[in-house]
Amino acid sequence: MTGMTVSSIGEKGLLCAGEIMGLAGVMVYDDPALLEGAQSERLGRTGGEYHCPMYV
């Protein structure tokens, strides 16, 4: 993936991803209910257990 940053489209993609992650953080900061809803959804789906995606 890092090799894609030498092209203009790769650079634009990285900037867009950074904007999206930053805006998501701002949204959670402004409305803590979003975080609570996401946490309860995760607990409902996983039962509170964490499964590392790196070791399947």
N, C-alpha and C. Protein backbone atom coordinates (compact mmCIF):
# COMPACT_ATOMS: atom_id res chain seq x y z
N MET A 1 0.81 -1.21 0.00
CA MET A 1 0.00 0.00 0.00
C MET A 1 0.85 1.26 0.00
N THR A 2 1.98 1.26 0.66
CA THR A 2 2.75 2.49 0.74
C THR A 2 3.33 2.88 -0.61
N GLY A 3 3.51 1.93 -1.51
CA GLY A 3 4.01 2.25 -2.83
C GLY A 3 3.03 3.07 -3.65
N MET A 4 1.78 3.08 -3.25
CA MET A 4 0.76 3.82 -3.98
C MET A 4 0.83 5.32 -3.72
N THR A 5 1.59 5.73 -2.70
CA THR A 5 1.63 7.15 -2.37
C THR A 5 2.48 7.96 -3.33
N VAL A 6 3.25 7.29 -4.19
CA VAL A 6 4.04 8.03 -5.17
C VAL A 6 3.17 8.56 -6.29
N SER A 7 1.98 8.03 -6.45
CA SER A 7 1.07 8.53 -7.47
C SER A 7 0.10 9.53 -6.86
N SER A 8 -0.44 10.39 -7.69
CA SER A 8 -1.36 11.41 -7.18
C SER A 8 -2.65 10.78 -6.66
N ILE A 9 -3.10 9.70 -7.28
CA ILE A 9 -4.34 9.06 -6.83
C ILE A 9 -4.13 8.41 -5.46
N GLY A 10 -2.92 7.86 -5.22
CA GLY A 10 -2.63 7.28 -3.91
C GLY A 10 -2.60 8.34 -2.83
N GLU A 11 -2.02 9.49 -3.17
CA GLU A 11 -1.96 10.59 -2.21
C GLU A 11 -3.36 11.10 -1.88
N LYS A 12 -4.20 11.22 -2.89
CA LYS A 12 -5.58 11.67 -2.67
C LYS A 12 -6.35 10.68 -1.81
N GLY A 13 -6.10 9.39 -2.04
CA GLY A 13 -6.76 8.36 -1.23
C GLY A 13 -6.36 8.43 0.23
N LEU A 14 -5.07 8.66 0.48
CA LEU A 14 -4.61 8.78 1.86
C LEU A 14 -5.21 10.00 2.54
N LEU A 15 -5.27 11.11 1.82
CA LEU A 15 -5.86 12.31 2.40
C LEU A 15 -7.35 12.11 2.70
N CYS A 16 -8.04 11.45 1.79
CA CYS A 16 -9.48 11.20 1.99
C CYS A 16 -9.70 10.29 3.21
N ALA A 17 -8.88 9.24 3.34
CA ALA A 17 -9.00 8.34 4.48
C ALA A 17 -8.73 9.08 5.80
N GLY A 18 -7.75 9.97 5.79
CA GLY A 18 -7.45 10.75 6.98
C GLY A 18 -8.59 11.67 7.37
N GLU A 19 -9.21 12.29 6.36
CA GLU A 19 -10.36 13.16 6.62
C GLU A 19 -11.51 12.37 7.24
N ILE A 20 -11.77 11.20 6.69
CA ILE A 20 -12.89 10.38 7.18
C ILE A 20 -12.64 9.95 8.62
N MET A 21 -11.42 9.51 8.93
CA MET A 21 -11.12 9.09 10.30
C MET A 21 -11.19 10.27 11.26
N GLY A 22 -10.72 11.43 10.82
CA GLY A 22 -10.80 12.62 11.67
C GLY A 22 -12.23 13.04 11.93
N LEU A 23 -13.06 13.03 10.89
CA LEU A 23 -14.46 13.41 11.06
C LEU A 23 -15.22 12.41 11.94
N ALA A 24 -14.86 11.14 11.83
CA ALA A 24 -15.50 10.14 12.69
C ALA A 24 -15.16 10.42 14.15
N GLY A 25 -13.91 10.79 14.42
CA GLY A 25 -13.51 11.13 15.79
C GLY A 25 -14.25 12.35 16.31
N VAL A 26 -14.42 13.35 15.46
CA VAL A 26 -15.15 14.56 15.86
C VAL A 26 -16.61 14.23 16.14
N MET A 27 -17.20 13.37 15.31
CA MET A 27 -18.61 13.00 15.51
C MET A 27 -18.79 12.29 16.85
N VAL A 28 -17.87 11.38 17.20
CA VAL A 28 -17.96 10.66 18.47
C VAL A 28 -17.73 11.62 19.64
N TYR A 29 -16.81 12.56 19.46
CA TYR A 29 -16.54 13.54 20.51
C TYR A 29 -17.75 14.43 20.75
N ASP A 30 -18.42 14.83 19.68
CA ASP A 30 -19.60 15.69 19.80
C ASP A 30 -20.82 14.96 20.35
N ASP A 31 -20.94 13.67 20.04
CA ASP A 31 -22.12 12.91 20.45
C ASP A 31 -21.68 11.58 21.08
N PRO A 32 -21.43 11.56 22.39
CA PRO A 32 -20.97 10.33 23.06
C PRO A 32 -21.96 9.17 22.95
N ALA A 33 -23.21 9.45 22.61
CA ALA A 33 -24.18 8.37 22.45
C ALA A 33 -23.81 7.46 21.29
N LEU A 34 -23.11 8.00 20.29
CA LEU A 34 -22.64 7.17 19.17
C LEU A 34 -21.67 6.10 19.67
N LEU A 35 -20.77 6.48 20.55
CA LEU A 35 -19.80 5.54 21.09
C LEU A 35 -20.51 4.48 21.94
N GLU A 36 -21.45 4.91 22.75
CA GLU A 36 -22.18 3.95 23.59
C GLU A 36 -22.96 2.96 22.73
N GLY A 37 -23.57 3.46 21.65
CA GLY A 37 -24.30 2.57 20.75
C GLY A 37 -23.39 1.57 20.06
N ALA A 38 -22.21 2.03 19.62
CA ALA A 38 -21.26 1.14 18.97
C ALA A 38 -20.73 0.09 19.95
N GLN A 39 -20.48 0.50 21.19
CA GLN A 39 -19.99 -0.45 22.19
C GLN A 39 -21.04 -1.50 22.51
N SER A 40 -22.29 -1.10 22.63
CA SER A 40 -23.34 -2.08 22.94
C SER A 40 -23.56 -3.01 21.75
N GLU A 41 -23.43 -2.50 20.53
CA GLU A 41 -23.57 -3.36 19.35
C GLU A 41 -22.44 -4.39 19.30
N ARG A 42 -21.21 -3.95 19.59
CA ARG A 42 -20.07 -4.87 19.61
C ARG A 42 -20.25 -5.94 20.67
N LEU A 43 -20.71 -5.54 21.86
CA LEU A 43 -20.93 -6.52 22.92
C LEU A 43 -22.02 -7.51 22.53
N GLY A 44 -23.06 -7.03 21.85
CA GLY A 44 -24.12 -7.92 21.41
C GLY A 44 -23.66 -8.92 20.37
N ARG A 45 -22.77 -8.48 19.47
CA ARG A 45 -22.29 -9.37 18.41
C ARG A 45 -21.25 -10.36 18.90
N THR A 46 -20.37 -9.92 19.81
CA THR A 46 -19.24 -10.77 20.21
C THR A 46 -19.43 -11.41 21.57
N GLY A 47 -20.41 -10.96 22.32
CA GLY A 47 -20.59 -11.48 23.67
C GLY A 47 -19.51 -11.00 24.62
N GLY A 48 -18.81 -9.94 24.25
CA GLY A 48 -17.77 -9.39 25.10
C GLY A 48 -16.40 -10.00 24.89
N GLU A 49 -16.30 -10.98 23.98
CA GLU A 49 -15.02 -11.61 23.72
C GLU A 49 -14.33 -10.93 22.56
N TYR A 50 -13.01 -10.82 22.64
CA TYR A 50 -12.22 -10.22 21.57
C TYR A 50 -11.55 -11.32 20.76
N HIS A 51 -11.70 -11.26 19.46
CA HIS A 51 -11.06 -12.21 18.56
C HIS A 51 -10.12 -11.43 17.64
N CYS A 52 -8.84 -11.64 17.80
CA CYS A 52 -7.84 -10.91 17.01
C CYS A 52 -7.93 -11.36 15.56
N PRO A 53 -8.10 -10.43 14.62
CA PRO A 53 -8.22 -10.80 13.21
C PRO A 53 -6.90 -11.27 12.60
N MET A 54 -5.78 -11.04 13.28
CA MET A 54 -4.47 -11.43 12.74
C MET A 54 -4.22 -12.93 12.89
N TYR A 55 -4.79 -13.53 13.92
CA TYR A 55 -4.55 -14.95 14.18
C TYR A 55 -5.86 -15.70 14.06
N VAL A 56 -6.09 -16.25 12.90
CA VAL A 56 -7.35 -16.95 12.65
C VAL A 56 -7.23 -18.40 13.00
